[in-house]
PDB file of N, CA and C in Angstrom:
ATOM      1  N   UNK A   1      43.105-199.159   3.067  1.00  0.00           N
ATOM      2  CA  UNK A   1      42.473-197.959   2.565  1.00  0.00           C
ATOM      3  C   UNK A   1      42.927-196.773   3.417  1.00  0.00           C
ATOM      4  N   UNK A   2      43.278-195.706   2.750  1.00  0.00           N
ATOM      5  CA  UNK A   2      43.721-194.496   3.442  1.00  0.00           C
ATOM      6  C   UNK A   2      42.516-193.611   3.752  1.00  0.00           C
ATOM      7  N   UNK A   3      42.348-193.248   5.017  1.00  0.00           N
ATOM      8  CA  UNK A   3      41.245-192.400   5.452  1.00  0.00           C
ATOM      9  C   UNK A   3      41.811-191.061   5.904  1.00  0.00           C
ATOM     10  N   UNK A   4      41.339-189.979   5.293  1.00  0.00           N
ATOM     11  CA  UNK A   4      41.753-188.631   5.661  1.00  0.00           C
ATOM     12  C   UNK A   4      40.572-187.938   6.347  1.00  0.00           C
ATOM     13  N   UNK A   5      40.812-187.463   7.584  1.00  0.00           N
ATOM     14  CA  UNK A   5      39.756-186.797   8.344  1.00  0.00           C
ATOM     15  C   UNK A   5      40.120-185.331   8.534  1.00  0.00           C
ATOM     16  N   UNK A   6      39.201-184.462   8.128  1.00  0.00           N
ATOM     17  CA  UNK A   6      39.388-183.019   8.308  1.00  0.00           C
ATOM     18  C   UNK A   6      38.247-182.507   9.172  1.00  0.00           C
ATOM     19  N   UNK A   7      38.582-181.717  10.178  1.00  0.00           N
ATOM     20  CA  UNK A   7      37.535-181.107  10.994  1.00  0.00           C
ATOM     21  C   UNK A   7      37.669-179.595  10.865  1.00  0.00           C
ATOM     22  N   UNK A   8      36.594-178.971  10.400  1.00  0.00           N
ATOM     23  CA  UNK A   8      36.593-177.536  10.177  1.00  0.00           C
ATOM     24  C   UNK A   8      35.901-176.826  11.336  1.00  0.00           C
ATOM     25  N   UNK A   9      36.462-175.748  11.795  1.00  0.00           N
ATOM     26  CA  UNK A   9      35.914-174.889  12.841  1.00  0.00           C
ATOM     27  C   UNK A   9      35.929-175.528  14.234  1.00  0.00           C
ATOM     28  N   UNK A  10      36.589-176.673  14.395  1.00  0.00           N
ATOM     29  CA  UNK A  10      36.746-177.280  15.710  1.00  0.00           C
ATOM     30  C   UNK A  10      37.844-178.334  15.638  1.00  0.00           C
ATOM     31  N   UNK A  11      38.292-178.817  16.795  1.00  0.00           N
ATOM     32  CA  UNK A  11      39.313-179.868  16.877  1.00  0.00           C
ATOM     33  C   UNK A  11      38.619-181.184  17.202  1.00  0.00           C
ATOM     34  N   UNK A  12      38.760-182.169  16.326  1.00  0.00           N
ATOM     35  CA  UNK A  12      38.095-183.458  16.513  1.00  0.00           C
ATOM     36  C   UNK A  12      38.766-184.254  17.627  1.00  0.00           C
ATOM     37  N   UNK A  13      37.954-184.882  18.437  1.00  0.00           N
ATOM     38  CA  UNK A  13      38.405-185.732  19.531  1.00  0.00           C
ATOM     39  C   UNK A  13      38.994-187.026  18.951  1.00  0.00           C
ATOM     40  N   UNK A  14      39.914-187.644  19.668  1.00  0.00           N
ATOM     41  CA  UNK A  14      40.522-188.906  19.217  1.00  0.00           C
ATOM     42  C   UNK A  14      39.454-189.991  19.112  1.00  0.00           C
ATOM     43  N   UNK A  15      38.515-190.015  20.064  1.00  0.00           N
ATOM     44  CA  UNK A  15      37.442-191.017  20.027  1.00  0.00           C
ATOM     45  C   UNK A  15      36.577-190.843  18.789  1.00  0.00           C
ATOM     46  N   UNK A  16      36.312-189.598  18.407  1.00  0.00           N
ATOM     47  CA  UNK A  16      35.515-189.331  17.213  1.00  0.00           C
ATOM     48  C   UNK A  16      36.254-189.796  15.960  1.00  0.00           C
ATOM     49  N   UNK A  17      37.543-189.520  15.881  1.00  0.00           N
ATOM     50  CA  UNK A  17      38.331-189.960  14.730  1.00  0.00           C
ATOM     51  C   UNK A  17      38.384-191.482  14.647  1.00  0.00           C
ATOM     52  N   UNK A  18      38.527-192.157  15.800  1.00  0.00           N
ATOM     53  CA  UNK A  18      38.524-193.629  15.814  1.00  0.00           C
ATOM     54  C   UNK A  18      37.179-194.165  15.341  1.00  0.00           C
ATOM     55  N   UNK A  19      36.096-193.520  15.779  1.00  0.00           N
ATOM     56  CA  UNK A  19      34.753-193.918  15.360  1.00  0.00           C
ATOM     57  C   UNK A  19      34.612-193.801  13.845  1.00  0.00           C
ATOM     58  N   UNK A  20      35.098-192.691  13.287  1.00  0.00           N
ATOM     59  CA  UNK A  20      35.022-192.471  11.842  1.00  0.00           C
ATOM     60  C   UNK A  20      35.821-193.544  11.106  1.00  0.00           C
ATOM     61  N   UNK A  21      37.033-193.810  11.562  1.00  0.00           N
ATOM     62  CA  UNK A  21      37.872-194.817  10.901  1.00  0.00           C
ATOM     63  C   UNK A  21      37.226-196.206  10.947  1.00  0.00           C
ATOM     64  N   UNK A  22      36.614-196.538  12.078  1.00  0.00           N
ATOM     65  CA  UNK A  22      35.964-197.845  12.219  1.00  0.00           C
ATOM     66  C   UNK A  22      34.799-197.978  11.245  1.00  0.00           C
ATOM     67  N   UNK A  23      33.928-196.958  11.201  1.00  0.00           N
ATOM     68  CA  UNK A  23      32.745-197.011  10.332  1.00  0.00           C
ATOM     69  C   UNK A  23      33.123-197.008   8.855  1.00  0.00           C
ATOM     70  N   UNK A  24      34.053-196.126   8.487  1.00  0.00           N
ATOM     71  CA  UNK A  24      34.433-196.000   7.082  1.00  0.00           C
ATOM     72  C   UNK A  24      35.260-197.213   6.644  1.00  0.00           C
ATOM     73  N   UNK A  25      36.030-197.774   7.555  1.00  0.00           N
ATOM     74  CA  UNK A  25      36.850-198.948   7.233  1.00  0.00           C
ATOM     75  C   UNK A  25      36.032-200.132   6.774  1.00  0.00           C
ATOM     76  N   UNK A  26      34.805-200.232   7.258  1.00  0.00           N
ATOM     77  CA  UNK A  26      33.936-201.351   6.867  1.00  0.00           C
ATOM     78  C   UNK A  26      33.532-201.262   5.393  1.00  0.00           C
ATOM     79  N   UNK A  27      33.578-200.066   4.822  1.00  0.00           N
ATOM     80  CA  UNK A  27      33.200-199.909   3.413  1.00  0.00           C
ATOM     81  C   UNK A  27      34.177-200.622   2.483  1.00  0.00           C
ATOM     82  N   UNK A  28      35.447-200.668   2.876  1.00  0.00           N
ATOM     83  CA  UNK A  28      36.442-201.308   2.010  1.00  0.00           C
ATOM     84  C   UNK A  28      36.231-202.817   1.936  1.00  0.00           C
ATOM     85  N   UNK A  29      35.499-203.387   2.900  1.00  0.00           N
ATOM     86  CA  UNK A  29      35.217-204.822   2.864  1.00  0.00           C
ATOM     87  C   UNK A  29      34.139-205.147   1.833  1.00  0.00           C
ATOM     88  N   UNK A  30      33.312-204.167   1.484  1.00  0.00           N
ATOM     89  CA  UNK A  30      32.243-204.390   0.513  1.00  0.00           C
ATOM     90  C   UNK A  30      32.753-204.433  -0.922  1.00  0.00           C
ATOM     91  N   UNK A  31      33.804-203.651  -1.181  1.00  0.00           N
ATOM     92  CA  UNK A  31      34.290-203.514  -2.554  1.00  0.00           C
ATOM     93  C   UNK A  31      35.808-203.368  -2.517  1.00  0.00           C
ATOM     94  N   UNK A  32      36.486-204.216  -3.273  1.00  0.00           N
ATOM     95  CA  UNK A  32      37.955-204.233  -3.228  1.00  0.00           C
ATOM     96  C   UNK A  32      38.591-203.057  -3.958  1.00  0.00           C
ATOM     97  N   UNK A  33      37.816-202.348  -4.779  1.00  0.00           N
ATOM     98  CA  UNK A  33      38.380-201.265  -5.580  1.00  0.00           C
ATOM     99  C   UNK A  33      38.470-199.931  -4.858  1.00  0.00           C
ATOM    100  N   UNK A  34      38.184-199.892  -3.554  1.00  0.00           N
ATOM    101  CA  UNK A  34      38.221-198.624  -2.823  1.00  0.00           C
ATOM    102  C   UNK A  34      39.669-198.181  -2.646  1.00  0.00           C
ATOM    103  N   UNK A  35      39.978-196.974  -3.118  1.00  0.00           N
ATOM    104  CA  UNK A  35      41.341-196.455  -3.029  1.00  0.00           C
ATOM    105  C   UNK A  35      41.579-195.683  -1.743  1.00  0.00           C
ATOM    106  N   UNK A  36      40.579-194.925  -1.318  1.00  0.00           N
ATOM    107  CA  UNK A  36      40.737-194.109  -0.122  1.00  0.00           C
ATOM    108  C   UNK A  36      39.429-193.424   0.211  1.00  0.00           C
ATOM    109  N   UNK A  37      39.477-192.629   1.278  1.00  0.00           N
ATOM    110  CA  UNK A  37      38.272-191.959   1.723  1.00  0.00           C
ATOM    111  C   UNK A  37      38.639-190.628   2.370  1.00  0.00           C
ATOM    112  N   UNK A  38      37.912-189.581   2.001  1.00  0.00           N
ATOM    113  CA  UNK A  38      38.071-188.264   2.624  1.00  0.00           C
ATOM    114  C   UNK A  38      36.815-187.971   3.432  1.00  0.00           C
ATOM    115  N   UNK A  39      36.997-187.649   4.711  1.00  0.00           N
ATOM    116  CA  UNK A  39      35.883-187.326   5.591  1.00  0.00           C
ATOM    117  C   UNK A  39      36.063-185.898   6.090  1.00  0.00           C
ATOM    118  N   UNK A  40      35.015-185.089   5.946  1.00  0.00           N
ATOM    119  CA  UNK A  40      35.044-183.716   6.438  1.00  0.00           C
ATOM    120  C   UNK A  40      33.955-183.574   7.494  1.00  0.00           C
ATOM    121  N   UNK A  41      34.360-183.147   8.684  1.00  0.00           N
ATOM    122  CA  UNK A  41      33.418-182.882   9.770  1.00  0.00           C
ATOM    123  C   UNK A  41      33.345-181.374   9.957  1.00  0.00           C
ATOM    124  N   UNK A  42      32.119-180.846  10.031  1.00  0.00           N
ATOM    125  CA  UNK A  42      31.960-179.399  10.059  1.00  0.00           C
ATOM    126  C   UNK A  42      30.803-179.022  10.981  1.00  0.00           C
ATOM    127  N   UNK A  43      30.925-177.881  11.620  1.00  0.00           N
ATOM    128  CA  UNK A  43      29.836-177.318  12.413  1.00  0.00           C
ATOM    129  C   UNK A  43      29.103-176.293  11.559  1.00  0.00           C
ATOM    130  N   UNK A  44      27.785-176.430  11.483  1.00  0.00           N
ATOM    131  CA  UNK A  44      26.964-175.486  10.739  1.00  0.00           C
ATOM    132  C   UNK A  44      26.589-174.337  11.670  1.00  0.00           C
ATOM    133  N   UNK A  45      26.371-173.186  11.111  1.00  0.00           N
ATOM    134  CA  UNK A  45      26.044-172.015  11.924  1.00  0.00           C
ATOM    135  C   UNK A  45      24.548-171.921  12.225  1.00  0.00           C
ATOM    136  N   UNK A  46      23.799-172.973  11.935  1.00  0.00           N
ATOM    137  CA  UNK A  46      22.354-172.973  12.185  1.00  0.00           C
ATOM    138  C   UNK A  46      22.072-172.902  13.682  1.00  0.00           C
ATOM    139  N   UNK A  47      20.959-172.287  14.026  1.00  0.00           N
ATOM    140  CA  UNK A  47      20.629-172.112  15.437  1.00  0.00           C
ATOM    141  C   UNK A  47      19.963-173.354  16.038  1.00  0.00           C
ATOM    142  N   UNK A  48      19.536-174.300  15.206  1.00  0.00           N
ATOM    143  CA  UNK A  48      18.897-175.499  15.748  1.00  0.00           C
ATOM    144  C   UNK A  48      19.955-176.517  16.198  1.00  0.00           C
ATOM    145  N   UNK A  49      19.491-177.620  16.787  1.00  0.00           N
ATOM    146  CA  UNK A  49      20.412-178.622  17.332  1.00  0.00           C
ATOM    147  C   UNK A  49      21.122-179.437  16.250  1.00  0.00           C
ATOM    148  N   UNK A  50      20.528-179.536  15.089  1.00  0.00           N
ATOM    149  CA  UNK A  50      21.120-180.353  14.030  1.00  0.00           C
ATOM    150  C   UNK A  50      22.144-179.528  13.252  1.00  0.00           C
ATOM    151  N   UNK A  51      23.277-179.243  13.894  1.00  0.00           N
ATOM    152  CA  UNK A  51      24.281-178.397  13.258  1.00  0.00           C
ATOM    153  C   UNK A  51      25.598-179.134  13.000  1.00  0.00           C
ATOM    154  N   UNK A  52      25.607-180.459  13.121  1.00  0.00           N
ATOM    155  CA  UNK A  52      26.810-181.256  12.844  1.00  0.00           C
ATOM    156  C   UNK A  52      26.686-181.839  11.437  1.00  0.00           C
ATOM    157  N   UNK A  53      27.689-181.587  10.599  1.00  0.00           N
ATOM    158  CA  UNK A  53      27.673-182.050   9.212  1.00  0.00           C
ATOM    159  C   UNK A  53      28.847-182.992   8.980  1.00  0.00           C
ATOM    160  N   UNK A  54      28.563-184.126   8.332  1.00  0.00           N
ATOM    161  CA  UNK A  54      29.603-185.079   7.943  1.00  0.00           C
ATOM    162  C   UNK A  54      29.525-185.287   6.434  1.00  0.00           C
ATOM    163  N   UNK A  55      30.680-185.151   5.778  1.00  0.00           N
ATOM    164  CA  UNK A  55      30.767-185.384   4.333  1.00  0.00           C
ATOM    165  C   UNK A  55      31.757-186.519   4.109  1.00  0.00           C
ATOM    166  N   UNK A  56      31.363-187.478   3.293  1.00  0.00           N
ATOM    167  CA  UNK A  56      32.243-188.602   2.973  1.00  0.00           C
ATOM    168  C   UNK A  56      32.413-188.674   1.467  1.00  0.00           C
ATOM    169  N   UNK A  57      33.658-188.684   1.017  1.00  0.00           N
ATOM    170  CA  UNK A  57      33.974-188.892  -0.402  1.00  0.00           C
ATOM    171  C   UNK A  57      34.786-190.179  -0.484  1.00  0.00           C
ATOM    172  N   UNK A  58      34.190-191.192  -1.102  1.00  0.00           N
ATOM    173  CA  UNK A  58      34.845-192.497  -1.249  1.00  0.00           C
ATOM    174  C   UNK A  58      35.523-192.536  -2.608  1.00  0.00           C
ATOM    175  N   UNK A  59      36.821-192.730  -2.616  1.00  0.00           N
ATOM    176  CA  UNK A  59      37.601-192.705  -3.846  1.00  0.00           C
ATOM    177  C   UNK A  59      37.653-194.107  -4.444  1.00  0.00           C
ATOM    178  N   UNK A  60      37.040-194.265  -5.617  1.00  0.00           N
ATOM    179  CA  UNK A  60      37.060-195.531  -6.334  1.00  0.00           C
ATOM    180  C   UNK A  60      37.435-195.236  -7.777  1.00  0.00           C
ATOM    181  N   UNK A  61      37.931-196.237  -8.508  1.00  0.00           N
ATOM    182  CA  UNK A  61      38.255-195.998  -9.914  1.00  0.00           C
ATOM    183  C   UNK A  61      37.016-195.560 -10.684  1.00  0.00           C
ATOM    184  N   UNK A  62      37.161-194.555 -11.505  1.00  0.00           N
ATOM    185  CA  UNK A  62      36.014-194.008 -12.233  1.00  0.00           C
ATOM    186  C   UNK A  62      35.478-192.798 -11.504  1.00  0.00           C
ATOM    187  N   UNK A  63      34.255-192.882 -11.051  1.00  0.00           N
ATOM    188  CA  UNK A  63      33.625-191.769 -10.328  1.00  0.00           C
ATOM    189  C   UNK A  63      33.750-191.981  -8.826  1.00  0.00           C
ATOM    190  N   UNK A  64      33.969-190.882  -8.094  1.00  0.00           N
ATOM    191  CA  UNK A  64      33.989-190.951  -6.633  1.00  0.00           C
ATOM    192  C   UNK A  64      32.545-190.949  -6.129  1.00  0.00           C
ATOM    193  N   UNK A  65      32.324-191.578  -4.978  1.00  0.00           N
ATOM    194  CA  UNK A  65      31.011-191.579  -4.346  1.00  0.00           C
ATOM    195  C   UNK A  65      31.015-190.542  -3.230  1.00  0.00           C
ATOM    196  N   UNK A  66      29.910-189.819  -3.071  1.00  0.00           N
ATOM    197  CA  UNK A  66      29.870-188.731  -2.108  1.00  0.00           C
ATOM    198  C   UNK A  66      28.551-188.726  -1.359  1.00  0.00           C
ATOM    199  N   UNK A  67      28.618-188.449  -0.058  1.00  0.00           N
ATOM    200  CA  UNK A  67      27.409-188.284   0.756  1.00  0.00           C
ATOM    201  C   UNK A  67      27.659-187.191   1.780  1.00  0.00           C
ATOM    202  N   UNK A  68      26.621-186.383   2.009  1.00  0.00           N
ATOM    203  CA  UNK A  68      26.691-185.301   2.995  1.00  0.00           C
ATOM    204  C   UNK A  68      25.447-185.391   3.856  1.00  0.00           C
ATOM    205  N   UNK A  69      25.634-185.545   5.159  1.00  0.00           N
ATOM    206  CA  UNK A  69      24.502-185.681   6.071  1.00  0.00           C
ATOM    207  C   UNK A  69      24.658-184.725   7.248  1.00  0.00           C
ATOM    208  N   UNK A  70      23.520-184.276   7.758  1.00  0.00           N
ATOM    209  CA  UNK A  70      23.483-183.341   8.877  1.00  0.00           C
ATOM    210  C   UNK A  70      22.628-183.958   9.980  1.00  0.00           C
ATOM    211  N   UNK A  71      23.112-183.861  11.243  1.00  0.00           N
ATOM    212  CA  UNK A  71      22.394-184.470  12.358  1.00  0.00           C
ATOM    213  C   UNK A  71      22.716-183.756  13.663  1.00  0.00           C
ATOM    214  N   UNK A  72      22.159-184.267  14.758  1.00  0.00           N
ATOM    215  CA  UNK A  72      22.385-183.688  16.086  1.00  0.00           C
ATOM    216  C   UNK A  72      23.790-183.966  16.605  1.00  0.00           C
ATOM    217  N   UNK A  73      24.354-185.118  16.215  1.00  0.00           N
ATOM    218  CA  UNK A  73      25.701-185.471  16.669  1.00  0.00           C
ATOM    219  C   UNK A  73      26.535-185.912  15.468  1.00  0.00           C
ATOM    220  N   UNK A  74      27.844-185.842  15.625  1.00  0.00           N
ATOM    221  CA  UNK A  74      28.721-186.280  14.537  1.00  0.00           C
ATOM    222  C   UNK A  74      28.589-187.784  14.310  1.00  0.00           C
ATOM    223  N   UNK A  75      28.388-188.540  15.385  1.00  0.00           N
ATOM    224  CA  UNK A  75      28.245-189.992  15.241  1.00  0.00           C
ATOM    225  C   UNK A  75      27.029-190.342  14.389  1.00  0.00           C
ATOM    226  N   UNK A  76      25.921-189.653  14.647  1.00  0.00           N
ATOM    227  CA  UNK A  76      24.704-189.900  13.875  1.00  0.00           C
ATOM    228  C   UNK A  76      24.887-189.472  12.420  1.00  0.00           C
ATOM    229  N   UNK A  77      25.533-188.340  12.209  1.00  0.00           N
ATOM    230  CA  UNK A  77      25.781-187.865  10.842  1.00  0.00           C
ATOM    231  C   UNK A  77      26.694-188.821  10.086  1.00  0.00           C
ATOM    232  N   UNK A  78      27.726-189.335  10.764  1.00  0.00           N
ATOM    233  CA  UNK A  78      28.638-190.311  10.135  1.00  0.00           C
ATOM    234  C   UNK A  78      27.881-191.584   9.780  1.00  0.00           C
ATOM    235  N   UNK A  79      27.070-192.093  10.722  1.00  0.00           N
ATOM    236  CA  UNK A  79      26.276-193.301  10.451  1.00  0.00           C
ATOM    237  C   UNK A  79      25.407-193.123   9.210  1.00  0.00           C
ATOM    238  N   UNK A  80      24.704-192.002   9.140  1.00  0.00           N
ATOM    239  CA  UNK A  80      23.817-191.740   8.002  1.00  0.00           C
ATOM    240  C   UNK A  80      24.599-191.612   6.697  1.00  0.00           C
ATOM    241  N   UNK A  81      25.728-190.928   6.739  1.00  0.00           N
ATOM    242  CA  UNK A  81      26.544-190.752   5.526  1.00  0.00           C
ATOM    243  C   UNK A  81      27.146-192.080   5.068  1.00  0.00           C
ATOM    244  N   UNK A  82      27.599-192.896   6.026  1.00  0.00           N
ATOM    245  CA  UNK A  82      28.163-194.203   5.666  1.00  0.00           C
ATOM    246  C   UNK A  82      27.085-195.083   5.031  1.00  0.00           C
ATOM    247  N   UNK A  83      25.870-195.049   5.577  1.00  0.00           N
ATOM    248  CA  UNK A  83      24.772-195.821   4.985  1.00  0.00           C
ATOM    249  C   UNK A  83      24.494-195.370   3.556  1.00  0.00           C
ATOM    250  N   UNK A  84      24.498-194.060   3.328  1.00  0.00           N
ATOM    251  CA  UNK A  84      24.247-193.532   1.986  1.00  0.00           C
ATOM    252  C   UNK A  84      25.344-193.970   1.013  1.00  0.00           C
ATOM    253  N   UNK A  85      26.602-193.903   1.452  1.00  0.00           N
ATOM    254  CA  UNK A  85      27.716-194.310   0.587  1.00  0.00           C
ATOM    255  C   UNK A  85      27.670-195.822   0.363  1.00  0.00           C
ATOM    256  N   UNK A  86      27.266-196.577   1.374  1.00  0.00           N
ATOM    257  CA  UNK A  86      27.164-198.041   1.235  1.00  0.00           C
ATOM    258  C   UNK A  86      26.148-198.398   0.142  1.00  0.00           C
ATOM    259  N   UNK A  87      24.999-197.712   0.128  1.00  0.00           N
ATOM    260  CA  UNK A  87      23.993-197.959  -0.915  1.00  0.00           C
ATOM    261  C   UNK A  87      24.559-197.610  -2.295  1.00  0.00           C
ATOM    262  N   UNK A  88      25.263-196.483  -2.395  1.00  0.00           N
ATOM    263  CA  UNK A  88      25.857-196.083  -3.676  1.00  0.00           C
ATOM    264  C   UNK A  88      26.895-197.112  -4.124  1.00  0.00           C
ATOM    265  N   UNK A  89      27.669-197.615  -3.170  1.00  0.00           N
ATOM    266  CA  UNK A  89      28.723-198.582  -3.490  1.00  0.00           C
ATOM    267  C   UNK A  89      28.125-199.895  -3.993  1.00  0.00           C
ATOM    268  N   UNK A  90      27.024-200.326  -3.378  1.00  0.00           N
ATOM    269  CA  UNK A  90      26.358-201.559  -3.833  1.00  0.00           C
ATOM    270  C   UNK A  90      25.825-201.387  -5.247  1.00  0.00           C
ATOM    271  N   UNK A  91      25.236-200.216  -5.541  1.00  0.00           N
ATOM    272  CA  UNK A  91      24.744-199.944  -6.899  1.00  0.00           C
ATOM    273  C   UNK A  91      25.898-199.950  -7.901  1.00  0.00           C
ATOM    274  N   UNK A  92      27.010-199.315  -7.505  1.00  0.00           N
ATOM    275  CA  UNK A  92      28.176-199.260  -8.385  1.00  0.00           C
ATOM    276  C   UNK A  92      28.726-200.668  -8.635  1.00  0.00           C
ATOM    277  N   UNK A  93      28.767-201.470  -7.595  1.00  0.00           N
ATOM    278  CA  UNK A  93      29.288-202.833  -7.703  1.00  0.00           C
ATOM    279  C   UNK A  93      28.421-203.665  -8.657  1.00  0.00           C
ATOM    280  N   UNK A  94      27.081-203.542  -8.540  1.00  0.00           N
ATOM    281  CA  UNK A  94      26.183-204.254  -9.437  1.00  0.00           C
ATOM    282  C   UNK A  94      26.339-203.769 -10.871  1.00  0.00           C
ATOM    283  N   UNK A  95      26.535-202.465 -11.035  1.00  0.00           N
ATOM    284  CA  UNK A  95      26.707-201.894 -12.366  1.00  0.00           C
ATOM    285  C   UNK A  95      27.972-202.417 -13.023  1.00  0.00           C
ATOM    286  N   UNK A  96      29.048-202.514 -12.243  1.00  0.00           N
ATOM    287  CA  UNK A  96      30.324-202.997 -12.783  1.00  0.00           C
ATOM    288  C   UNK A  96      30.225-204.471 -13.162  1.00  0.00           C
ATOM    289  N   UNK A  97      29.520-205.249 -12.335  1.00  0.00           N
ATOM    290  CA  UNK A  97      29.379-206.684 -12.630  1.00  0.00           C
ATOM    291  C   UNK A  97      28.393-206.935 -13.762  1.00  0.00           C
ATOM    292  N   UNK A  98      27.586-205.920 -14.085  1.00  0.00           N
ATOM    293  CA  UNK A  98      26.634-206.069 -15.196  1.00  0.00           C
ATOM    294  C   UNK A  98      25.382-206.810 -14.813  1.00  0.00           C
ATOM    295  N   UNK A  99      24.993-206.735 -13.547  1.00  0.00           N
ATOM    296  CA  UNK A  99      23.782-207.447 -13.097  1.00  0.00           C
ATOM    297  C   UNK A  99      22.558-206.630 -13.433  1.00  0.00           C
TER     298      UNK A  99
END
């Protein structure tokens, strides 16, 4: 699976990119039809601590799955977004199988 990581308004650390690839890579094990994944990391201009935003678009045949989460750290935002996409992927998988 091809993972594209974009970081807006800052330069992403290598450790952060590796973390994203590791977490998102696990999604392809759930469903064989995953074509790729686009991840956007962004800093929000909010004055509070929860200004890290992670967006994940999972490319699958038919409709793409999308999740956007905001948290105190990019790692937490990625975890939350991956969980949201994982739930969507399980629903999609059940729908395709006709369960």
